[in-house]
PDB file of N, CA and C in Angstrom:
ATOM      1  N   MET A   1       0.843  -1.176   0.000  1.00  0.00           N
ATOM      2  CA  MET A   1       0.000   0.000   0.000  1.00  0.00           C
ATOM      3  C   MET A   1       0.891   1.243   0.000  1.00  0.00           C
ATOM      4  N   THR A   2       0.441   2.258  -0.712  1.00  0.00           N
ATOM      5  CA  THR A   2       1.135   3.532  -0.760  1.00  0.00           C
ATOM      6  C   THR A   2       0.303   4.567  -0.013  1.00  0.00           C
ATOM      7  N   ILE A   3       0.953   5.359   0.826  1.00  0.00           N
ATOM      8  CA  ILE A   3       0.289   6.416   1.589  1.00  0.00           C
ATOM      9  C   ILE A   3       0.883   7.749   1.154  1.00  0.00           C
ATOM     10  N   ASP A   4       0.014   8.638   0.668  1.00  0.00           N
ATOM     11  CA  ASP A   4       0.454   9.968   0.235  1.00  0.00           C
ATOM     12  C   ASP A   4      -0.206  11.001   1.142  1.00  0.00           C
ATOM     13  N   LYS A   5       0.596  11.650   1.988  1.00  0.00           N
ATOM     14  CA  LYS A   5       0.070  12.643   2.932  1.00  0.00           C
ATOM     15  C   LYS A   5       0.323  14.044   2.417  1.00  0.00           C
ATOM     16  N   LYS A   6      -0.715  14.887   2.530  1.00  0.00           N
ATOM     17  CA  LYS A   6      -0.581  16.301   2.186  1.00  0.00           C
ATOM     18  C   LYS A   6      -1.187  17.122   3.316  1.00  0.00           C
ATOM     19  N   GLN A   7      -0.390  18.023   3.865  1.00  0.00           N
ATOM     20  CA  GLN A   7      -0.836  18.908   4.928  1.00  0.00           C
ATOM     21  C   GLN A   7      -1.033  20.302   4.348  1.00  0.00           C
ATOM     22  N   ASN A   8      -2.216  20.842   4.479  1.00  0.00           N
ATOM     23  CA  ASN A   8      -2.511  22.194   4.013  1.00  0.00           C
ATOM     24  C   ASN A   8      -3.029  22.972   5.215  1.00  0.00           C
ATOM     25  N   GLY A   9      -2.137  23.676   5.893  1.00  0.00           N
ATOM     26  CA  GLY A   9      -2.522  24.324   7.148  1.00  0.00           C
ATOM     27  C   GLY A   9      -2.866  23.253   8.168  1.00  0.00           C
ATOM     28  N   ASN A  10      -4.083  23.322   8.703  1.00  0.00           N
ATOM     29  CA  ASN A  10      -4.536  22.322   9.673  1.00  0.00           C
ATOM     30  C   ASN A  10      -5.340  21.202   9.036  1.00  0.00           C
ATOM     31  N   ALA A  11      -5.463  21.228   7.708  1.00  0.00           N
ATOM     32  CA  ALA A  11      -6.208  20.192   6.984  1.00  0.00           C
ATOM     33  C   ALA A  11      -5.232  19.131   6.474  1.00  0.00           C
ATOM     34  N   LEU A  12      -5.521  17.894   6.810  1.00  0.00           N
ATOM     35  CA  LEU A  12      -4.686  16.781   6.393  1.00  0.00           C
ATOM     36  C   LEU A  12      -5.458  15.937   5.387  1.00  0.00           C
ATOM     37  N   GLU A  13      -4.821  15.637   4.253  1.00  0.00           N
ATOM     38  CA  GLU A  13      -5.417  14.721   3.278  1.00  0.00           C
ATOM     39  C   GLU A  13      -4.459  13.564   3.067  1.00  0.00           C
ATOM     40  N   ILE A  14      -5.022  12.363   3.145  1.00  0.00           N
ATOM     41  CA  ILE A  14      -4.228  11.154   2.944  1.00  0.00           C
ATOM     42  C   ILE A  14      -4.875  10.348   1.825  1.00  0.00           C
ATOM     43  N   ALA A  15      -4.086  10.070   0.793  1.00  0.00           N
ATOM     44  CA  ALA A  15      -4.544   9.243  -0.319  1.00  0.00           C
ATOM     45  C   ALA A  15      -3.899   7.866  -0.172  1.00  0.00           C
ATOM     46  N   LEU A  16      -4.723   6.834  -0.299  1.00  0.00           N
ATOM     47  CA  LEU A  16      -4.235   5.466  -0.177  1.00  0.00           C
ATOM     48  C   LEU A  16      -4.310   4.771  -1.526  1.00  0.00           C
ATOM     49  N   GLU A  17      -3.313   3.929  -1.797  1.00  0.00           N
ATOM     50  CA  GLU A  17      -3.300   3.148  -3.027  1.00  0.00           C
ATOM     51  C   GLU A  17      -2.950   1.708  -2.681  1.00  0.00           C
ATOM     52  N   GLY A  18      -3.765   0.771  -3.160  1.00  0.00           N
ATOM     53  CA  GLY A  18      -3.501  -0.643  -2.914  1.00  0.00           C
ATOM     54  C   GLY A  18      -4.541  -1.259  -2.012  1.00  0.00           C
ATOM     55  N   ARG A  19      -4.072  -2.064  -1.067  1.00  0.00           N
ATOM     56  CA  ARG A  19      -4.960  -2.798  -0.152  1.00  0.00           C
ATOM     57  C   ARG A  19      -4.702  -2.349   1.289  1.00  0.00           C
ATOM     58  N   LEU A  20      -5.781  -2.076   2.003  1.00  0.00           N
ATOM     59  CA  LEU A  20      -5.696  -1.748   3.430  1.00  0.00           C
ATOM     60  C   LEU A  20      -6.174  -2.976   4.190  1.00  0.00           C
ATOM     61  N   ASP A  21      -5.225  -3.765   4.673  1.00  0.00           N
ATOM     62  CA  ASP A  21      -5.558  -5.039   5.305  1.00  0.00           C
ATOM     63  C   ASP A  21      -4.678  -5.260   6.533  1.00  0.00           C
ATOM     64  N   THR A  22      -4.645  -6.472   7.012  1.00  0.00           N
ATOM     65  CA  THR A  22      -3.891  -6.809   8.221  1.00  0.00           C
ATOM     66  C   THR A  22      -2.408  -6.457   8.095  1.00  0.00           C
ATOM     67  N   MET A  23      -1.874  -6.639   6.903  1.00  0.00           N
ATOM     68  CA  MET A  23      -0.448  -6.382   6.696  1.00  0.00           C
ATOM     69  C   MET A  23      -0.126  -4.889   6.579  1.00  0.00           C
ATOM     70  N   THR A  24      -1.045  -4.094   6.034  1.00  0.00           N
ATOM     71  CA  THR A  24      -0.745  -2.695   5.750  1.00  0.00           C
ATOM     72  C   THR A  24      -1.388  -1.704   6.725  1.00  0.00           C
ATOM     73  N   SER A  25      -2.380  -2.146   7.478  1.00  0.00           N
ATOM     74  CA  SER A  25      -3.048  -1.204   8.383  1.00  0.00           C
ATOM     75  C   SER A  25      -2.109  -0.603   9.438  1.00  0.00           C
ATOM     76  N   PRO A  26      -1.076  -1.324   9.937  1.00  0.00           N
ATOM     77  CA  PRO A  26      -0.150  -0.671  10.866  1.00  0.00           C
ATOM     78  C   PRO A  26       0.569   0.531  10.254  1.00  0.00           C
ATOM     79  N   GLU A  27       0.821   0.497   8.935  1.00  0.00           N
ATOM     80  CA  GLU A  27       1.450   1.634   8.261  1.00  0.00           C
ATOM     81  C   GLU A  27       0.555   2.869   8.327  1.00  0.00           C
ATOM     82  N   LEU A  28      -0.735   2.673   8.031  1.00  0.00           N
ATOM     83  CA  LEU A  28      -1.675   3.798   8.088  1.00  0.00           C
ATOM     84  C   LEU A  28      -1.842   4.281   9.516  1.00  0.00           C
ATOM     85  N   GLU A  29      -1.924   3.352  10.443  1.00  0.00           N
ATOM     86  CA  GLU A  29      -2.058   3.719  11.855  1.00  0.00           C
ATOM     87  C   GLU A  29      -0.889   4.589  12.309  1.00  0.00           C
ATOM     88  N   ALA A  30       0.325   4.228  11.908  1.00  0.00           N
ATOM     89  CA  ALA A  30       1.515   5.004  12.273  1.00  0.00           C
ATOM     90  C   ALA A  30       1.492   6.379  11.607  1.00  0.00           C
ATOM     91  N   ALA A  31       1.090   6.426  10.336  1.00  0.00           N
ATOM     92  CA  ALA A  31       1.028   7.706   9.622  1.00  0.00           C
ATOM     93  C   ALA A  31       0.008   8.636  10.266  1.00  0.00           C
ATOM     94  N   LEU A  32      -1.125   8.085  10.679  1.00  0.00           N
ATOM     95  CA  LEU A  32      -2.154   8.901  11.328  1.00  0.00           C
ATOM     96  C   LEU A  32      -1.696   9.360  12.709  1.00  0.00           C
ATOM     97  N   LYS A  33      -1.060   8.482  13.448  1.00  0.00           N
ATOM     98  CA  LYS A  33      -0.596   8.828  14.789  1.00  0.00           C
ATOM     99  C   LYS A  33       0.362  10.011  14.745  1.00  0.00           C
ATOM    100  N   ASP A  34       1.220  10.026  13.735  1.00  0.00           N
ATOM    101  CA  ASP A  34       2.196  11.103  13.591  1.00  0.00           C
ATOM    102  C   ASP A  34       1.562  12.428  13.174  1.00  0.00           C
ATOM    103  N   SER A  35       0.417  12.379  12.490  1.00  0.00           N
ATOM    104  CA  SER A  35      -0.135  13.572  11.853  1.00  0.00           C
ATOM    105  C   SER A  35      -1.404  14.139  12.459  1.00  0.00           C
ATOM    106  N   LEU A  36      -2.197  13.324  13.149  1.00  0.00           N
ATOM    107  CA  LEU A  36      -3.517  13.792  13.593  1.00  0.00           C
ATOM    108  C   LEU A  36      -3.468  14.863  14.678  1.00  0.00           C
ATOM    109  N   ALA A  37      -2.431  14.868  15.475  1.00  0.00           N
ATOM    110  CA  ALA A  37      -2.345  15.869  16.546  1.00  0.00           C
ATOM    111  C   ALA A  37      -2.336  17.288  15.990  1.00  0.00           C
ATOM    112  N   ALA A  38      -1.723  17.474  14.840  1.00  0.00           N
ATOM    113  CA  ALA A  38      -1.611  18.809  14.245  1.00  0.00           C
ATOM    114  C   ALA A  38      -2.740  19.119  13.270  1.00  0.00           C
ATOM    115  N   ALA A  39      -3.656  18.173  13.069  1.00  0.00           N
ATOM    116  CA  ALA A  39      -4.717  18.355  12.075  1.00  0.00           C
ATOM    117  C   ALA A  39      -6.056  18.673  12.730  1.00  0.00           C
ATOM    118  N   ASP A  40      -6.781  19.616  12.121  1.00  0.00           N
ATOM    119  CA  ASP A  40      -8.145  19.914  12.564  1.00  0.00           C
ATOM    120  C   ASP A  40      -9.173  19.169  11.735  1.00  0.00           C
ATOM    121  N   SER A  41      -8.788  18.764  10.529  1.00  0.00           N
ATOM    122  CA  SER A  41      -9.692  17.977   9.678  1.00  0.00           C
ATOM    123  C   SER A  41      -8.876  16.942   8.917  1.00  0.00           C
ATOM    124  N   LEU A  42      -9.543  15.836   8.588  1.00  0.00           N
ATOM    125  CA  LEU A  42      -8.893  14.738   7.887  1.00  0.00           C
ATOM    126  C   LEU A  42      -9.755  14.313   6.709  1.00  0.00           C
ATOM    127  N   THR A  43      -9.146  14.233   5.537  1.00  0.00           N
ATOM    128  CA  THR A  43      -9.808  13.701   4.353  1.00  0.00           C
ATOM    129  C   THR A  43      -9.008  12.496   3.878  1.00  0.00           C
ATOM    130  N   LEU A  44      -9.703  11.381   3.718  1.00  0.00           N
ATOM    131  CA  LEU A  44      -9.073  10.179   3.199  1.00  0.00           C
ATOM    132  C   LEU A  44      -9.550   9.977   1.767  1.00  0.00           C
ATOM    133  N   ASP A  45      -8.625   9.918   0.833  1.00  0.00           N
ATOM    134  CA  ASP A  45      -8.947   9.735  -0.575  1.00  0.00           C
ATOM    135  C   ASP A  45      -8.719   8.267  -0.941  1.00  0.00           C
ATOM    136  N   PHE A  46      -9.822   7.581  -1.271  1.00  0.00           N
ATOM    137  CA  PHE A  46      -9.755   6.153  -1.569  1.00  0.00           C
ATOM    138  C   PHE A  46      -9.851   5.866  -3.065  1.00  0.00           C
ATOM    139  N   ALA A  47      -9.530   6.840  -3.915  1.00  0.00           N
ATOM    140  CA  ALA A  47      -9.650   6.664  -5.366  1.00  0.00           C
ATOM    141  C   ALA A  47      -8.857   5.454  -5.862  1.00  0.00           C
ATOM    142  N   LYS A  48      -7.729   5.168  -5.229  1.00  0.00           N
ATOM    143  CA  LYS A  48      -6.875   4.068  -5.685  1.00  0.00           C
ATOM    144  C   LYS A  48      -6.803   2.933  -4.666  1.00  0.00           C
ATOM    145  N   LEU A  49      -7.733   2.936  -3.702  1.00  0.00           N
ATOM    146  CA  LEU A  49      -7.779   1.855  -2.718  1.00  0.00           C
ATOM    147  C   LEU A  49      -8.606   0.710  -3.289  1.00  0.00           C
ATOM    148  N   ASP A  50      -8.015  -0.479  -3.375  1.00  0.00           N
ATOM    149  CA  ASP A  50      -8.668  -1.631  -3.995  1.00  0.00           C
ATOM    150  C   ASP A  50      -9.493  -2.451  -3.018  1.00  0.00           C
ATOM    151  N   TYR A  51      -9.098  -2.456  -1.743  1.00  0.00           N
ATOM    152  CA  TYR A  51      -9.692  -3.385  -0.786  1.00  0.00           C
ATOM    153  C   TYR A  51      -9.477  -2.853   0.626  1.00  0.00           C
ATOM    154  N   ILE A  52     -10.434  -3.140   1.516  1.00  0.00           N
ATOM    155  CA  ILE A  52     -10.271  -2.812   2.930  1.00  0.00           C
ATOM    156  C   ILE A  52     -10.769  -3.986   3.763  1.00  0.00           C
ATOM    157  N   SER A  53      -9.990  -4.371   4.760  1.00  0.00           N
ATOM    158  CA  SER A  53     -10.360  -5.479   5.649  1.00  0.00           C
ATOM    159  C   SER A  53     -10.810  -4.928   6.996  1.00  0.00           C
ATOM    160  N   SER A  54     -11.165  -5.833   7.896  1.00  0.00           N
ATOM    161  CA  SER A  54     -11.585  -5.412   9.236  1.00  0.00           C
ATOM    162  C   SER A  54     -10.458  -4.685   9.969  1.00  0.00           C
ATOM    163  N   ALA A  55      -9.221  -5.053   9.692  1.00  0.00           N
ATOM    164  CA  ALA A  55      -8.084  -4.358  10.321  1.00  0.00           C
ATOM    165  C   ALA A  55      -8.037  -2.909   9.846  1.00  0.00           C
ATOM    166  N   GLY A  56      -8.309  -2.681   8.575  1.00  0.00           N
ATOM    167  CA  GLY A  56      -8.367  -1.323   8.043  1.00  0.00           C
ATOM    168  C   GLY A  56      -9.527  -0.544   8.626  1.00  0.00           C
ATOM    169  N   LEU A  57     -10.661  -1.213   8.799  1.00  0.00           N
ATOM    170  CA  LEU A  57     -11.831  -0.557   9.395  1.00  0.00           C
ATOM    171  C   LEU A  57     -11.538  -0.104  10.817  1.00  0.00           C
ATOM    172  N   ARG A  58     -10.789  -0.916  11.548  1.00  0.00           N
ATOM    173  CA  ARG A  58     -10.431  -0.554  12.928  1.00  0.00           C
ATOM    174  C   ARG A  58      -9.615   0.736  12.956  1.00  0.00           C
ATOM    175  N   VAL A  59      -8.679   0.883  12.009  1.00  0.00           N
ATOM    176  CA  VAL A  59      -7.863   2.098  11.934  1.00  0.00           C
ATOM    177  C   VAL A  59      -8.743   3.300  11.587  1.00  0.00           C
ATOM    178  N   LEU A  60      -9.692   3.110  10.661  1.00  0.00           N
ATOM    179  CA  LEU A  60     -10.606   4.198  10.300  1.00  0.00           C
ATOM    180  C   LEU A  60     -11.465   4.612  11.485  1.00  0.00           C
ATOM    181  N   LEU A  61     -11.944   3.639  12.249  1.00  0.00           N
ATOM    182  CA  LEU A  61     -12.774   3.952  13.402  1.00  0.00           C
ATOM    183  C   LEU A  61     -11.997   4.743  14.456  1.00  0.00           C
ATOM    184  N   ALA A  62     -10.757   4.357  14.701  1.00  0.00           N
ATOM    185  CA  ALA A  62      -9.921   5.090  15.658  1.00  0.00           C
ATOM    186  C   ALA A  62      -9.672   6.516  15.181  1.00  0.00           C
ATOM    187  N   ALA A  63      -9.407   6.690  13.888  1.00  0.00           N
ATOM    188  CA  ALA A  63      -9.187   8.034  13.346  1.00  0.00           C
ATOM    189  C   ALA A  63     -10.464   8.860  13.434  1.00  0.00           C
ATOM    190  N   HIS A  64     -11.596   8.228  13.163  1.00  0.00           N
ATOM    191  CA  HIS A  64     -12.887   8.916  13.240  1.00  0.00           C
ATOM    192  C   HIS A  64     -13.144   9.410  14.666  1.00  0.00           C
ATOM    193  N   LYS A  65     -12.866   8.572  15.640  1.00  0.00           N
ATOM    194  CA  LYS A  65     -13.048   8.966  17.044  1.00  0.00           C
ATOM    195  C   LYS A  65     -12.152  10.138  17.410  1.00  0.00           C
ATOM    196  N   THR A  66     -10.904  10.104  16.965  1.00  0.00           N
ATOM    197  CA  THR A  66      -9.967  11.195  17.243  1.00  0.00           C
ATOM    198  C   THR A  66     -10.447  12.492  16.598  1.00  0.00           C
ATOM    199  N   MET A  67     -10.877  12.416  15.345  1.00  0.00           N
ATOM    200  CA  MET A  67     -11.240  13.617  14.594  1.00  0.00           C
ATOM    201  C   MET A  67     -12.644  14.127  14.921  1.00  0.00           C
ATOM    202  N   SER A  68     -13.484  13.322  15.555  1.00  0.00           N
ATOM    203  CA  SER A  68     -14.842  13.780  15.874  1.00  0.00           C
ATOM    204  C   SER A  68     -14.829  14.925  16.885  1.00  0.00           C
ATOM    205  N   GLY A  69     -13.786  15.013  17.685  1.00  0.00           N
ATOM    206  CA  GLY A  69     -13.654  16.111  18.628  1.00  0.00           C
ATOM    207  C   GLY A  69     -13.033  17.352  18.007  1.00  0.00           C
ATOM    208  N   LYS A  70     -12.665  17.241  16.750  1.00  0.00           N
ATOM    209  CA  LYS A  70     -12.044  18.349  16.025  1.00  0.00           C
ATOM    210  C   LYS A  70     -12.954  18.733  14.868  1.00  0.00           C
ATOM    211  N   GLY A  71     -12.374  18.989  13.703  1.00  0.00           N
ATOM    212  CA  GLY A  71     -13.133  19.401  12.528  1.00  0.00           C
ATOM    213  C   GLY A  71     -13.782  18.271  11.756  1.00  0.00           C
ATOM    214  N   GLY A  72     -13.512  17.028  12.150  1.00  0.00           N
ATOM    215  CA  GLY A  72     -14.140  15.892  11.509  1.00  0.00           C
ATOM    216  C   GLY A  72     -13.264  15.185  10.500  1.00  0.00           C
ATOM    217  N   MET A  73     -13.835  14.116   9.969  1.00  0.00           N
ATOM    218  CA  MET A  73     -13.145  13.269   9.016  1.00  0.00           C
ATOM    219  C   MET A  73     -14.106  12.915   7.898  1.00  0.00           C
ATOM    220  N   LYS A  74     -13.610  12.908   6.664  1.00  0.00           N
ATOM    221  CA  LYS A  74     -14.444  12.463   5.551  1.00  0.00           C
ATOM    222  C   LYS A  74     -13.635  11.543   4.653  1.00  0.00           C
ATOM    223  N   VAL A  75     -14.362  10.692   3.945  1.00  0.00           N
ATOM    224  CA  VAL A  75     -13.770   9.744   3.019  1.00  0.00           C
ATOM    225  C   VAL A  75     -14.340  10.057   1.643  1.00  0.00           C
ATOM    226  N   LYS A  76     -13.458  10.147   0.634  1.00  0.00           N
ATOM    227  CA  LYS A  76     -13.948  10.461  -0.701  1.00  0.00           C
ATOM    228  C   LYS A  76     -13.428   9.454  -1.719  1.00  0.00           C
ATOM    229  N   ASN A  77     -14.085   9.425  -2.874  1.00  0.00           N
ATOM    230  CA  ASN A  77     -13.703   8.552  -3.998  1.00  0.00           C
ATOM    231  C   ASN A  77     -13.698   7.077  -3.622  1.00  0.00           C
ATOM    232  N   VAL A  78     -14.774   6.637  -2.985  1.00  0.00           N
ATOM    233  CA  VAL A  78     -14.885   5.239  -2.557  1.00  0.00           C
ATOM    234  C   VAL A  78     -15.416   4.392  -3.719  1.00  0.00           C
ATOM    235  N   ASN A  79     -14.704   3.317  -4.049  1.00  0.00           N
ATOM    236  CA  ASN A  79     -15.161   2.442  -5.130  1.00  0.00           C
ATOM    237  C   ASN A  79     -16.251   1.485  -4.640  1.00  0.00           C
ATOM    238  N   GLU A  80     -16.815   0.704  -5.545  1.00  0.00           N
ATOM    239  CA  GLU A  80     -17.936  -0.179  -5.217  1.00  0.00           C
ATOM    240  C   GLU A  80     -17.559  -1.255  -4.208  1.00  0.00           C
ATOM    241  N   VAL A  81     -16.356  -1.810  -4.320  1.00  0.00           N
ATOM    242  CA  VAL A  81     -15.926  -2.880  -3.418  1.00  0.00           C
ATOM    243  C   VAL A  81     -15.827  -2.358  -1.985  1.00  0.00           C
ATOM    244  N   VAL A  82     -15.170  -1.229  -1.816  1.00  0.00           N
ATOM    245  CA  VAL A  82     -15.010  -0.646  -0.481  1.00  0.00           C
ATOM    246  C   VAL A  82     -16.361  -0.151   0.031  1.00  0.00           C
ATOM    247  N   ARG A  83     -17.180   0.437  -0.839  1.00  0.00           N
ATOM    248  CA  ARG A  83     -18.507   0.916  -0.438  1.00  0.00           C
ATOM    249  C   ARG A  83     -19.368  -0.234   0.083  1.00  0.00           C
ATOM    250  N   GLU A  84     -19.275  -1.385  -0.554  1.00  0.00           N
ATOM    251  CA  GLU A  84     -20.043  -2.541  -0.097  1.00  0.00           C
ATOM    252  C   GLU A  84     -19.610  -2.969   1.303  1.00  0.00           C
ATOM    253  N   VAL A  85     -18.304  -2.941   1.566  1.00  0.00           N
ATOM    254  CA  VAL A  85     -17.800  -3.265   2.909  1.00  0.00           C
ATOM    255  C   VAL A  85     -18.355  -2.257   3.914  1.00  0.00           C
ATOM    256  N   PHE A  86     -18.341  -0.971   3.567  1.00  0.00           N
ATOM    257  CA  PHE A  86     -18.888   0.060   4.452  1.00  0.00           C
ATOM    258  C   PHE A  86     -20.376  -0.171   4.702  1.00  0.00           C
ATOM    259  N   ASP A  87     -21.123  -0.531   3.670  1.00  0.00           N
ATOM    260  CA  ASP A  87     -22.567  -0.756   3.808  1.00  0.00           C
ATOM    261  C   ASP A  87     -22.859  -1.959   4.701  1.00  0.00           C
ATOM    262  N   VAL A  88     -22.166  -3.063   4.470  1.00  0.00           N
ATOM    263  CA  VAL A  88     -22.408  -4.304   5.210  1.00  0.00           C
ATOM    264  C   VAL A  88     -22.039  -4.157   6.686  1.00  0.00           C
ATOM    265  N   THR A  89     -20.972  -3.418   6.955  1.00  0.00           N
ATOM    266  CA  THR A  89     -20.489  -3.292   8.334  1.00  0.00           C
ATOM    267  C   THR A  89     -21.148  -2.152   9.110  1.00  0.00           C
ATOM    268  N   GLY A  90     -21.910  -1.307   8.418  1.00  0.00           N
ATOM    269  CA  GLY A  90     -22.519  -0.161   9.079  1.00  0.00           C
ATOM    270  C   GLY A  90     -21.639   1.072   9.094  1.00  0.00           C
ATOM    271  N   PHE A  91     -20.448   0.979   8.552  1.00  0.00           N
ATOM    272  CA  PHE A  91     -19.558   2.138   8.511  1.00  0.00           C
ATOM    273  C   PHE A  91     -20.119   3.249   7.632  1.00  0.00           C
ATOM    274  N   ALA A  92     -20.963   2.893   6.673  1.00  0.00           N
ATOM    275  CA  ALA A  92     -21.589   3.907   5.818  1.00  0.00           C
ATOM    276  C   ALA A  92     -22.463   4.859   6.635  1.00  0.00           C
ATOM    277  N   ASP A  93     -22.966   4.377   7.770  1.00  0.00           N
ATOM    278  CA  ASP A  93     -23.787   5.204   8.655  1.00  0.00           C
ATOM    279  C   ASP A  93     -22.949   6.045   9.611  1.00  0.00           C
ATOM    280  N   ILE A  94     -21.710   5.651   9.822  1.00  0.00           N
ATOM    281  CA  ILE A  94     -20.825   6.326  10.775  1.00  0.00           C
ATOM    282  C   ILE A  94     -19.974   7.394  10.075  1.00  0.00           C
ATOM    283  N   LEU A  95     -19.405   7.019   8.924  1.00  0.00           N
ATOM    284  CA  LEU A  95     -18.457   7.895   8.224  1.00  0.00           C
ATOM    285  C   LEU A  95     -19.161   8.891   7.318  1.00  0.00           C
ATOM    286  N   THR A  96     -18.529  10.018   7.102  1.00  0.00           N
ATOM    287  CA  THR A  96     -18.966  10.981   6.096  1.00  0.00           C
ATOM    288  C   THR A  96     -18.287  10.586   4.794  1.00  0.00           C
ATOM    289  N   ILE A  97     -19.093  10.123   3.825  1.00  0.00           N
ATOM    290  CA  ILE A  97     -18.554   9.634   2.559  1.00  0.00           C
ATOM    291  C   ILE A  97     -19.012  10.546   1.443  1.00  0.00           C
ATOM    292  N   GLU A  98     -18.050  11.020   0.674  1.00  0.00           N
ATOM    293  CA  GLU A  98     -18.367  11.901  -0.469  1.00  0.00           C
ATOM    294  C   GLU A  98     -18.210  11.138  -1.767  1.00  0.00           C
TER     295      GLU A  98
END
């Protein structure tokens, strides 16, 4: 998985490419841990994300909890495969998806 972070003032955007699963979710978790303290808002761009597992969902939930006390978190460019996972797990009701 590739993680591309862009900080624009207090707004953080992270674009993911590849698979967010048991093997790669620690990478995203570490990237978020390093960056969320300085961010007031978080945008996750999933345009090139092929797959997300329960391990990836756990990282998203933790980030959502952290950002809910700030400016919030949104997910954009979600493909059909990832959207189906969000729908089945109820994450579609929790996350702001554009």
